[in-house]
Amino acid sequence: MPTLAAVQVPADLLDYSLNSVTGGIEALATTRVMIRSADKAVAAVAFHATRGKVERTFSGTGSDVDVVVSSANAYVHALNKMISWLGSNATTVLPKKNVDAVAA
């Protein structure tokens, strides 16, 4: 997925789901997305209790009567989580080529 010009953070969309909470013409849509860093140089790596070091994913949710707004809110929410996590966990960011070796 291309980098958004506003944030300059490349991300891969892993999962997208859209559900209707209410019915009718003013139905409320809820959207959930899951992303991961698409940066070829680094990968967000976290320690999992049973699997050891794994590449980190980030989810976001959004709700609105407009599905486009709901989807955009969910994606921005996930991006904000990823940017925040990458900023606060800079010491756990590893070169992407080492992720497979670390996870094995």
C-alpha atoms as a PDB file:
ATOM      1  CA  MET A   1       0.000   0.000   0.000  1.00  0.00           C
ATOM      2  CA  PRO A   2       1.360   3.461  -0.814  1.00  0.00           C
ATOM      3  CA  THR A   3       2.504   5.861   1.877  1.00  0.00           C
ATOM      4  CA  LEU A   4      -0.055   8.474   2.910  1.00  0.00           C
ATOM      5  CA  ALA A   5       1.377  11.909   2.141  1.00  0.00           C
ATOM      6  CA  ALA A   6       0.154  13.367   5.435  1.00  0.00           C
ATOM      7  CA  VAL A   7       1.983  10.922   7.702  1.00  0.00           C
ATOM      8  CA  GLN A   8       4.790   9.417   5.563  1.00  0.00           C
ATOM      9  CA  VAL A   9       4.346   6.005   7.169  1.00  0.00           C
ATOM     10  CA  PRO A  10       4.055   3.016   4.826  1.00  0.00           C
ATOM     11  CA  ALA A  11       1.543   0.406   5.974  1.00  0.00           C
ATOM     12  CA  ASP A  12       0.123  -2.853   4.609  1.00  0.00           C
ATOM     13  CA  LEU A  13      -3.604  -3.444   5.075  1.00  0.00           C
ATOM     14  CA  LEU A  14      -3.989  -6.986   6.409  1.00  0.00           C
ATOM     15  CA  ASP A  15      -7.701  -7.115   7.222  1.00  0.00           C
ATOM     16  CA  TYR A  16     -10.787  -4.977   6.625  1.00  0.00           C
ATOM     17  CA  SER A  17     -14.267  -5.637   7.950  1.00  0.00           C
ATOM     18  CA  LEU A  18     -17.438  -3.549   7.779  1.00  0.00           C
ATOM     19  CA  ASN A  19     -20.600  -4.260   9.751  1.00  0.00           C
ATOM     20  CA  SER A  20     -23.936  -2.538  10.178  1.00  0.00           C
ATOM     21  CA  VAL A  21     -24.917  -1.837  13.784  1.00  0.00           C
ATOM     22  CA  THR A  22     -28.395  -0.524  13.059  1.00  0.00           C
ATOM     23  CA  GLY A  23     -30.779  -0.847  10.122  1.00  0.00           C
ATOM     24  CA  GLY A  24     -32.516   1.608   7.883  1.00  0.00           C
ATOM     25  CA  ILE A  25     -31.443   4.663   5.957  1.00  0.00           C
ATOM     26  CA  GLU A  26     -29.409   6.066   8.860  1.00  0.00           C
ATOM     27  CA  ALA A  27     -27.640   2.771   9.600  1.00  0.00           C
ATOM     28  CA  LEU A  28     -24.486   3.047  11.664  1.00  0.00           C
ATOM     29  CA  ALA A  29     -21.482   1.302  10.106  1.00  0.00           C
ATOM     30  CA  THR A  30     -18.565   0.011  12.164  1.00  0.00           C
ATOM     31  CA  THR A  31     -15.271  -0.703  10.471  1.00  0.00           C
ATOM     32  CA  ARG A  32     -12.240  -2.602  11.746  1.00  0.00           C
ATOM     33  CA  VAL A  33      -8.868  -2.645  10.017  1.00  0.00           C
ATOM     34  CA  MET A  34      -5.579  -4.367  10.787  1.00  0.00           C
ATOM     35  CA  ILE A  35      -2.280  -3.043   9.440  1.00  0.00           C
ATOM     36  CA  ARG A  36       1.452  -3.618   9.806  1.00  0.00           C
ATOM     37  CA  SER A  37       4.509  -1.592   8.897  1.00  0.00           C
ATOM     38  CA  ALA A  38       5.341  -1.822   5.191  1.00  0.00           C
ATOM     39  CA  ASP A  39       8.738  -0.180   5.613  1.00  0.00           C
ATOM     40  CA  LYS A  40      11.282  -2.393   3.879  1.00  0.00           C
ATOM     41  CA  ALA A  41      14.086  -1.277   6.204  1.00  0.00           C
ATOM     42  CA  VAL A  42      12.460  -1.947   9.582  1.00  0.00           C
ATOM     43  CA  ALA A  43       9.728  -4.087  11.082  1.00  0.00           C
ATOM     44  CA  ALA A  44       7.895  -3.568  14.347  1.00  0.00           C
ATOM     45  CA  VAL A  45       8.830  -6.565  16.455  1.00  0.00           C
ATOM     46  CA  ALA A  46       7.223  -7.435  19.779  1.00  0.00           C
ATOM     47  CA  PHE A  47       7.724 -10.250  22.277  1.00  0.00           C
ATOM     48  CA  HIS A  48       4.857 -12.755  22.379  1.00  0.00           C
ATOM     49  CA  ALA A  49       4.467 -14.909  25.501  1.00  0.00           C
ATOM     50  CA  THR A  50       4.391 -18.246  23.628  1.00  0.00           C
ATOM     51  CA  ARG A  51       5.821 -17.474  20.174  1.00  0.00           C
ATOM     52  CA  GLY A  52       8.750 -15.255  21.145  1.00  0.00           C
ATOM     53  CA  LYS A  53       9.522 -12.298  18.902  1.00  0.00           C
ATOM     54  CA  VAL A  54       6.862 -11.643  16.255  1.00  0.00           C
ATOM     55  CA  GLU A  55       6.076  -8.852  13.805  1.00  0.00           C
ATOM     56  CA  ARG A  56       3.580  -6.481  15.439  1.00  0.00           C
ATOM     57  CA  THR A  57       0.209  -5.643  13.868  1.00  0.00           C
ATOM     58  CA  PHE A  58      -2.061  -2.720  14.730  1.00  0.00           C
ATOM     59  CA  SER A  59      -5.865  -2.535  14.637  1.00  0.00           C
ATOM     60  CA  GLY A  60      -8.234   0.387  14.458  1.00  0.00           C
ATOM     61  CA  THR A  61     -11.994   0.854  14.580  1.00  0.00           C
ATOM     62  CA  GLY A  62     -14.355   3.510  13.317  1.00  0.00           C
ATOM     63  CA  SER A  63     -18.102   4.160  13.331  1.00  0.00           C
ATOM     64  CA  ASP A  64     -20.228   6.519  11.262  1.00  0.00           C
ATOM     65  CA  VAL A  65     -23.356   6.587   9.090  1.00  0.00           C
ATOM     66  CA  ASP A  66     -21.014   7.092   6.098  1.00  0.00           C
ATOM     67  CA  VAL A  67     -18.967   3.965   5.321  1.00  0.00           C
ATOM     68  CA  VAL A  68     -16.119   6.040   3.852  1.00  0.00           C
ATOM     69  CA  VAL A  69     -15.824   8.119   7.024  1.00  0.00           C
ATOM     70  CA  SER A  70     -16.083   4.982   9.159  1.00  0.00           C
ATOM     71  CA  SER A  71     -13.314   3.313   7.139  1.00  0.00           C
ATOM     72  CA  ALA A  72     -11.062   6.376   7.200  1.00  0.00           C
ATOM     73  CA  ASN A  73     -11.482   6.710  10.973  1.00  0.00           C
ATOM     74  CA  ALA A  74     -10.526   3.063  11.463  1.00  0.00           C
ATOM     75  CA  TYR A  75      -7.440   3.364   9.244  1.00  0.00           C
ATOM     76  CA  VAL A  76      -6.270   6.584  10.913  1.00  0.00           C
ATOM     77  CA  HIS A  77      -6.822   5.003  14.341  1.00  0.00           C
ATOM     78  CA  ALA A  78      -4.611   2.041  13.365  1.00  0.00           C
ATOM     79  CA  LEU A  79      -1.955   4.362  11.890  1.00  0.00           C
ATOM     80  CA  ASN A  80      -1.902   6.426  15.079  1.00  0.00           C
ATOM     81  CA  LYS A  81      -1.345   3.266  17.133  1.00  0.00           C
ATOM     82  CA  MET A  82       1.486   2.150  14.850  1.00  0.00           C
ATOM     83  CA  ILE A  83       3.198   5.552  14.825  1.00  0.00           C
ATOM     84  CA  SER A  84       2.914   5.835  18.603  1.00  0.00           C
ATOM     85  CA  TRP A  85       4.237   2.316  19.163  1.00  0.00           C
ATOM     86  CA  LEU A  86       7.149   2.770  16.758  1.00  0.00           C
ATOM     87  CA  GLY A  87       8.063   6.043  18.445  1.00  0.00           C
ATOM     88  CA  SER A  88       7.995   4.659  21.988  1.00  0.00           C
ATOM     89  CA  ASN A  89       9.606   1.296  21.171  1.00  0.00           C
ATOM     90  CA  ALA A  90      12.451   2.420  18.928  1.00  0.00           C
ATOM     91  CA  THR A  91      14.835  -0.029  20.592  1.00  0.00           C
ATOM     92  CA  THR A  92      12.660  -3.010  19.580  1.00  0.00           C
ATOM     93  CA  VAL A  93      12.511  -2.093  15.892  1.00  0.00           C
ATOM     94  CA  LEU A  94      14.664  -4.551  13.950  1.00  0.00           C
ATOM     95  CA  PRO A  95      15.709  -4.750  10.309  1.00  0.00           C
ATOM     96  CA  LYS A  96      12.943  -6.617   8.452  1.00  0.00           C
ATOM     97  CA  LYS A  97      15.389  -9.195   7.084  1.00  0.00           C
ATOM     98  CA  ASN A  98      16.032 -10.363  10.676  1.00  0.00           C
ATOM     99  CA  VAL A  99      12.349 -10.886  11.576  1.00  0.00           C
ATOM    100  CA  ASP A 100      12.207 -14.376  10.052  1.00  0.00           C
ATOM    101  CA  ALA A 101      15.439 -15.393  11.729  1.00  0.00           C
ATOM    102  CA  VAL A 102      14.307 -14.068  15.125  1.00  0.00           C
ATOM    103  CA  ALA A 103      10.852 -15.681  14.889  1.00  0.00           C
ATOM    104  CA  ALA A 104      12.283 -19.091  13.971  1.00  0.00           C
END
